[in-house]
Amino acid sequence: MGHQLEKMLMECTLNNKACYAQNFTQFYSVKHGNCFTLNPSGFRASKSGPGAGLDMTLDIQTEEYIETFATGYGVKVVIHENGTLPFPGTEGVMLSAGAESHVILKLINIQRLSGKYGVCNVSDEFKRLYGIQYSEKACRELCLRTLTISNCSCQPGQDFTFTFNTQVNVKHCGTPKEWQCEDKVYVGYIADTTKGKNPCHCGAACVQKDFDTRITTRDWPLLKHVVTLEAQICKNNDGVHAKCEYENWTVENYVKRKSSFVRIRVYYGTLNYESITETPEYTLERFLSDIGGTLGLWIGCSVLSLVEVVEVLMEVTFLVFKKN
């Protein structure tokens, strides 16, 4: 059920290389319905600017919207690190329909210290166990699901219905009793977190990539381009489509016809990136250097004092022999 990318995706290129619906993987979001993630395999942006990024034209099929549930036209876009889980319910940006939106990216590379210098989570073990790249949000999602399974014998349907490797055969909560149990676990989890407890032991990733986004938009498409896009859809569907039934332009159908199309361009504004790296404030080398400096100072003082003592003894001896 819901909109399928095969019918929505009209044009797609990445770095001037064609991409298709088959290059996306689908998952279901409780809040947003069908969601699609671009598989980066075989695609790489080698330059900055719109020509080297992702360029998509979508038909979001506004004629199929159910007005009882829909409150507006548009799409939700989440920019996230390769291999990590997207969370469209709490992350991402909303792009308006009937517009061309440019999502300009800047990479922020974060490296944290672990061991004796701090607490962070390494991705390799998490990926080996659960088949996904580690992120703090995914770790907390897994923890909350594990708590729900152990207490309610079912897994919750939260922002997405991704099934971890360890939860393949566990049913989703679907009865009032199970939902009540799920809510109780969630309230307890929030209460523990508010009190400063960390029941999940989920820390920040040792290596993390974030994306700073800047968005610009313009009205799109123009009237004649709307006609061209509708003609393309009719041709692809052998003339059997709701967009083929429009005859006249009216104020009422103009908004719906124009708002059925979205153009998204995602690209790097510059290939420069920001790097945030944790470094130890006090290292072993600095400790040894400080000890050496201190010892050198005291040894120097001791030698000077010894020379002064010898000098005093010599002067006393000289005075004694001189009086004799």
Protein backbone atom coordinates (compact mmCIF):
# COMPACT_ATOMS: atom_id res chain seq x y z
CA MET A 1 0.00 0.00 0.00
CA GLY A 2 1.09 3.57 -0.54
CA HIS A 3 3.15 5.35 -3.17
CA GLN A 4 5.73 3.26 -5.02
CA LEU A 5 9.02 4.73 -6.22
CA GLU A 6 8.76 2.97 -9.60
CA LYS A 7 5.81 5.25 -10.42
CA MET A 8 7.04 8.33 -8.58
CA LEU A 9 10.62 8.61 -9.91
CA MET A 10 10.54 10.40 -13.26
CA GLU A 11 14.21 11.42 -13.56
CA CYS A 12 17.27 10.59 -11.47
CA THR A 13 20.98 11.25 -11.92
CA LEU A 14 23.92 11.30 -9.54
CA ASN A 15 27.12 12.92 -10.79
CA ASN A 16 25.56 12.75 -14.29
CA LYS A 17 25.11 8.99 -13.94
CA ALA A 18 21.56 7.68 -14.29
CA CYS A 19 19.92 6.13 -11.24
CA TYR A 20 16.70 4.14 -11.09
CA ALA A 21 14.16 2.90 -8.57
CA GLN A 22 16.18 -0.31 -8.31
CA ASN A 23 19.03 1.70 -6.77
CA PHE A 24 16.86 2.47 -3.73
CA THR A 25 15.92 0.21 -0.81
CA GLN A 26 12.49 0.54 0.76
CA PHE A 27 11.45 0.56 4.40
CA TYR A 28 8.27 1.56 6.17
CA SER A 29 7.90 4.48 8.55
CA VAL A 30 4.91 4.49 10.89
CA LYS A 31 4.55 8.26 10.50
CA HIS A 32 5.48 8.79 6.86
CA GLY A 33 4.61 5.51 5.13
CA ASN A 34 6.88 4.18 2.38
CA CYS A 35 10.44 5.53 2.55
CA PHE A 36 13.31 4.93 0.14
CA THR A 37 17.07 5.05 0.73
CA LEU A 38 19.56 5.49 -2.09
CA ASN A 39 22.11 2.68 -2.21
CA PRO A 40 25.48 4.44 -2.63
CA SER A 41 27.12 1.47 -4.36
CA GLY A 42 28.50 2.62 -7.71
CA PHE A 43 27.76 6.30 -7.06
CA ARG A 44 30.25 8.90 -5.88
CA ALA A 45 30.24 12.68 -5.97
CA SER A 46 33.66 13.79 -7.21
CA LYS A 47 33.01 17.52 -7.44
CA SER A 48 30.98 20.21 -5.74
CA GLY A 49 28.01 21.94 -7.28
CA PRO A 50 24.61 20.84 -8.64
CA GLY A 51 26.04 18.94 -11.61
CA ALA A 52 27.93 16.51 -9.38
CA GLY A 53 25.12 15.78 -6.92
CA LEU A 54 21.82 13.93 -6.82
CA ASP A 55 19.14 15.33 -9.12
CA MET A 56 15.62 13.83 -8.89
CA THR A 57 12.24 14.72 -10.34
CA LEU A 58 9.33 13.11 -8.51
CA ASP A 59 5.65 12.75 -9.20
CA ILE A 60 4.18 12.61 -5.69
CA GLN A 61 0.74 11.70 -7.07
CA THR A 62 -1.34 14.35 -5.31
CA GLU A 63 -4.43 13.11 -7.14
CA GLU A 64 -4.23 9.97 -4.98
CA TYR A 65 -3.95 11.79 -1.65
CA ILE A 66 -6.67 11.06 0.89
CA GLU A 67 -7.73 14.50 2.12
CA THR A 68 -8.94 13.07 5.42
CA PHE A 69 -5.33 12.22 6.35
CA ALA A 70 -3.18 14.53 4.20
CA THR A 71 -2.54 18.05 5.45
CA GLY A 72 -0.17 19.23 2.73
CA TYR A 73 1.98 18.30 -0.25
CA GLY A 74 5.70 17.58 -0.02
CA VAL A 75 8.44 15.07 0.77
CA LYS A 76 10.72 14.45 3.76
CA VAL A 77 14.44 14.11 3.00
CA VAL A 78 16.98 12.73 5.47
CA ILE A 79 20.71 13.12 4.81
CA HIS A 80 22.65 10.52 6.79
CA GLU A 81 25.91 8.59 6.77
CA ASN A 82 26.12 5.55 4.51
CA GLY A 83 25.04 2.37 6.27
CA THR A 84 23.27 4.11 9.17
CA LEU A 85 19.53 3.98 9.76
CA PRO A 86 17.49 7.06 8.83
CA PHE A 87 14.84 8.33 11.21
CA PRO A 88 12.41 10.40 9.12
CA GLY A 89 10.09 10.96 12.08
CA THR A 90 12.67 12.99 14.01
CA GLU A 91 15.34 13.87 11.44
CA GLY A 92 15.51 15.44 8.01
CA VAL A 93 13.98 18.42 6.24
CA MET A 94 10.57 18.88 4.66
CA LEU A 95 10.64 20.00 1.02
CA SER A 96 7.59 21.67 -0.49
CA ALA A 97 5.79 20.34 -3.54
CA GLY A 98 5.57 22.50 -6.64
CA ALA A 99 9.13 23.67 -6.07
CA GLU A 100 12.74 22.96 -6.96
CA SER A 101 14.73 22.56 -3.76
CA HIS A 102 18.52 22.65 -3.50
CA VAL A 103 19.94 20.88 -0.44
CA ILE A 104 23.53 22.11 -0.11
CA LEU A 105 25.74 19.93 2.07
CA LYS A 106 28.84 20.44 4.17
CA LEU A 107 30.52 17.39 5.70
CA ILE A 108 31.43 17.46 9.39
CA ASN A 109 33.80 14.65 10.38
CA ILE A 110 33.84 13.94 14.14
CA GLN A 111 36.45 11.73 15.86
CA ARG A 112 36.20 10.97 19.57
CA LEU A 113 38.66 9.32 21.94
CA SER A 114 37.84 6.12 23.78
CA GLY A 115 39.53 4.07 26.50
CA LYS A 116 41.21 6.06 29.25
CA TYR A 117 40.39 9.38 27.55
CA GLY A 118 36.62 9.06 27.12
CA VAL A 119 33.62 6.90 26.29
CA CYS A 120 32.55 6.24 22.71
CA ASN A 121 31.32 3.25 20.75
CA VAL A 122 33.20 1.52 17.97
CA SER A 123 31.06 0.64 14.97
CA ASP A 124 32.63 -2.70 13.96
CA GLU A 125 31.15 -4.87 16.72
CA PHE A 126 27.69 -3.31 16.39
CA LYS A 127 27.71 -3.84 12.64
CA ARG A 128 28.81 -7.44 13.05
CA LEU A 129 25.98 -8.17 15.49
CA TYR A 130 23.14 -6.26 13.86
CA GLY A 131 24.15 -5.69 10.26
CA ILE A 132 24.02 -1.88 10.36
CA GLN A 133 26.45 0.96 11.01
CA TYR A 134 26.49 2.13 14.61
CA SER A 135 24.75 5.33 15.61
CA GLU A 136 23.59 6.43 19.04
CA LYS A 137 19.99 6.70 17.87
CA ALA A 138 20.00 3.21 16.35
CA CYS A 139 21.54 1.82 19.54
CA ARG A 140 18.78 3.36 21.67
CA GLU A 141 16.15 2.08 19.23
CA LEU A 142 17.57 -1.44 19.54
CA CYS A 143 17.75 -1.15 23.33
CA LEU A 144 14.15 0.05 23.62
CA ARG A 145 12.96 -2.74 21.35
CA THR A 146 14.90 -5.30 23.39
CA LEU A 147 13.34 -3.99 26.61
CA THR A 148 9.88 -4.18 25.03
CA ILE A 149 10.44 -7.74 23.79
CA SER A 150 11.65 -8.93 27.18
CA ASN A 151 8.70 -7.32 29.02
CA CYS A 152 5.88 -7.60 26.48
CA SER A 153 6.91 -10.51 24.20
CA CYS A 154 6.46 -8.29 21.14
CA GLN A 155 8.46 -5.58 19.42
CA PRO A 156 7.17 -2.03 19.03
CA GLY A 157 6.37 -0.27 15.79
CA GLN A 158 8.15 3.04 16.21
CA ASP A 159 9.64 5.38 13.60
CA PHE A 160 10.42 2.53 11.23
CA THR A 161 9.73 -1.19 10.97
CA PHE A 162 13.34 -2.23 10.52
CA THR A 163 13.92 -5.69 12.00
CA PHE A 164 17.29 -6.28 13.62
CA ASN A 165 18.96 -9.64 13.09
CA THR A 166 18.10 -10.71 16.64
CA GLN A 167 14.39 -9.88 16.27
CA VAL A 168 13.40 -11.62 13.05
CA ASN A 169 10.85 -14.01 14.56
CA VAL A 170 9.31 -11.60 17.09
CA LYS A 171 5.81 -10.29 16.27
CA HIS A 172 4.92 -6.62 16.45
CA CYS A 173 2.71 -5.35 19.26
CA GLY A 174 -0.86 -5.37 17.97
CA THR A 175 -3.34 -5.74 20.83
CA PRO A 176 -4.49 -3.13 23.39
CA LYS A 177 -2.76 -5.08 26.16
CA GLU A 178 0.51 -5.18 24.22
CA TRP A 179 0.27 -1.47 23.38
CA GLN A 180 -0.31 -0.68 27.05
CA CYS A 181 2.75 -2.75 27.97
CA GLU A 182 4.77 -1.02 25.25
CA ASP A 183 3.78 2.42 26.57
CA LYS A 184 4.75 1.39 30.10
CA VAL A 185 8.21 0.30 28.96
CA TYR A 186 8.67 3.54 27.03
CA VAL A 187 7.58 5.72 29.98
CA GLY A 188 9.98 3.83 32.26
CA TYR A 189 12.79 4.29 29.75
CA ILE A 190 12.16 8.05 29.54
CA ALA A 191 11.99 8.30 33.35
CA ASP A 192 15.35 6.54 33.75
CA THR A 193 16.94 8.74 31.10
CA THR A 194 15.58 11.90 32.77
CA LYS A 195 17.11 10.83 36.09
CA GLY A 196 20.53 10.55 34.45
CA LYS A 197 20.53 6.79 34.20
CA ASN A 198 21.72 5.10 31.04
CA PRO A 199 19.89 1.78 30.76
CA CYS A 200 21.03 1.31 27.17
CA HIS A 201 24.73 2.20 27.59
CA CYS A 202 24.55 3.94 24.22
CA GLY A 203 27.22 6.56 23.76
CA ALA A 204 28.32 8.64 20.81
CA ALA A 205 30.15 6.92 17.96
CA CYS A 206 33.95 7.12 17.97
CA VAL A 207 33.86 8.10 14.28
CA GLN A 208 30.83 9.99 13.05
CA LYS A 209 29.89 11.92 9.93
CA ASP A 210 27.28 14.65 10.12
CA PHE A 211 26.00 16.91 7.37
CA ASP A 212 25.28 20.58 7.75
CA THR A 213 22.50 21.46 5.29
CA ARG A 214 21.47 24.72 3.67
CA ILE A 215 18.28 24.81 1.61
CA THR A 216 17.19 27.12 -1.17
CA THR A 217 13.95 26.81 -3.16
CA ARG A 218 12.15 28.33 -6.10
CA ASP A 219 8.72 27.85 -7.67
CA TRP A 220 8.74 25.00 -10.15
CA PRO A 221 7.58 23.88 -12.66
CA LEU A 222 6.22 26.55 -14.98
CA LEU A 223 2.84 26.05 -16.62
CA LYS A 224 4.19 24.70 -19.92
CA HIS A 225 6.56 22.38 -18.07
CA VAL A 226 3.64 20.97 -16.07
CA VAL A 227 1.96 20.04 -19.35
CA THR A 228 5.18 18.37 -20.55
CA LEU A 229 5.57 16.37 -17.35
CA GLU A 230 1.93 15.25 -17.40
CA ALA A 231 2.30 14.18 -21.04
CA GLN A 232 5.36 12.12 -20.10
CA ILE A 233 3.42 10.36 -17.34
CA CYS A 234 0.49 9.65 -19.67
CA LYS A 235 2.84 8.20 -22.26
CA ASN A 236 4.53 5.94 -19.71
CA ASN A 237 1.12 4.67 -18.55
CA ASP A 238 -0.37 4.18 -22.04
CA GLY A 239 -2.84 6.98 -21.47
CA VAL A 240 -4.41 5.35 -18.41
CA HIS A 241 -3.67 7.74 -15.57
CA ALA A 242 -5.50 10.40 -13.56
CA LYS A 243 -3.25 13.09 -15.02
CA CYS A 244 -4.49 12.20 -18.51
CA GLU A 245 -8.05 13.13 -17.55
CA TYR A 246 -7.38 16.83 -16.96
CA GLU A 247 -8.94 18.91 -19.73
CA ASN A 248 -9.07 22.52 -18.63
CA TRP A 249 -6.96 24.60 -16.29
CA THR A 250 -8.92 25.86 -13.30
CA VAL A 251 -7.88 27.60 -10.12
CA GLU A 252 -8.82 24.45 -8.21
CA ASN A 253 -6.85 21.93 -10.25
CA TYR A 254 -3.89 24.22 -10.99
CA VAL A 255 -2.54 23.96 -7.45
CA LYS A 256 -2.95 20.17 -7.40
CA ARG A 257 -1.40 19.69 -10.84
CA LYS A 258 1.60 21.90 -10.10
CA SER A 259 2.04 20.50 -6.58
CA SER A 260 2.22 16.97 -7.91
CA PHE A 261 5.84 17.51 -8.95
CA VAL A 262 8.96 17.96 -6.86
CA ARG A 263 12.53 18.48 -8.00
CA ILE A 264 15.29 17.74 -5.49
CA ARG A 265 18.96 18.56 -5.98
CA VAL A 266 21.38 17.42 -3.27
CA TYR A 267 25.06 18.32 -3.58
CA TYR A 268 28.16 19.54 -1.77
CA GLY A 269 28.54 23.30 -1.71
CA THR A 270 32.30 22.82 -1.40
CA LEU A 271 34.65 19.86 -1.09
CA ASN A 272 36.18 21.41 2.04
CA TYR A 273 34.94 19.80 5.22
CA GLU A 274 35.00 20.55 8.93
CA SER A 275 36.94 18.16 11.17
CA ILE A 276 36.29 17.96 14.91
CA THR A 277 38.88 15.78 16.65
CA GLU A 278 39.25 15.06 20.35
CA THR A 279 42.82 15.12 21.66
CA PRO A 280 44.05 14.31 25.18
CA GLU A 281 44.73 17.42 27.23
CA TYR A 282 47.50 15.77 29.23
CA THR A 283 49.57 12.98 27.61
CA LEU A 284 52.28 10.68 28.97
CA GLU A 285 54.90 12.51 26.94
CA ARG A 286 53.87 15.82 28.49
CA PHE A 287 53.88 14.24 31.95
CA LEU A 288 57.44 12.93 31.50
CA SER A 289 58.50 16.26 30.06
CA ASP A 290 57.12 18.09 33.08
CA ILE A 291 58.90 15.66 35.43
CA GLY A 292 62.15 16.15 33.53
CA GLY A 293 61.81 19.91 33.63
CA THR A 294 61.08 19.90 37.35
CA LEU A 295 63.96 17.52 38.10
CA GLY A 296 66.26 19.64 36.00
CA LEU A 297 65.23 22.74 37.92
CA TRP A 298 65.80 21.11 41.32
CA ILE A 299 69.04 19.44 40.28
CA GLY A 300 70.28 22.78 39.00
CA CYS A 301 69.35 24.41 42.30
CA SER A 302 71.07 21.61 44.24
CA VAL A 303 74.32 21.93 42.26
CA LEU A 304 74.36 25.68 42.79
CA SER A 305 73.76 25.19 46.50
CA LEU A 306 76.60 22.62 46.64
CA VAL A 307 78.99 25.03 44.90
CA GLU A 308 78.04 27.77 47.35
CA VAL A 309 78.69 25.43 50.32
CA VAL A 310 82.12 24.49 48.91
CA GLU A 311 82.87 28.17 48.37
CA VAL A 312 81.97 29.01 51.98
CA LEU A 313 84.15 26.15 53.29
CA MET A 314 87.06 27.35 51.17
CA GLU A 315 86.69 30.91 52.40
CA VAL A 316 86.48 29.78 56.02
CA THR A 317 89.58 27.59 55.54
CA PHE A 318 91.43 30.46 53.88
CA LEU A 319 90.56 32.83 56.75
CA VAL A 320 91.72 30.29 59.37
CA PHE A 321 95.09 29.74 57.70
CA LYS A 322 95.50 33.48 57.12
CA LYS A 323 95.05 34.29 60.84
CA ASN A 324 97.58 31.60 61.78
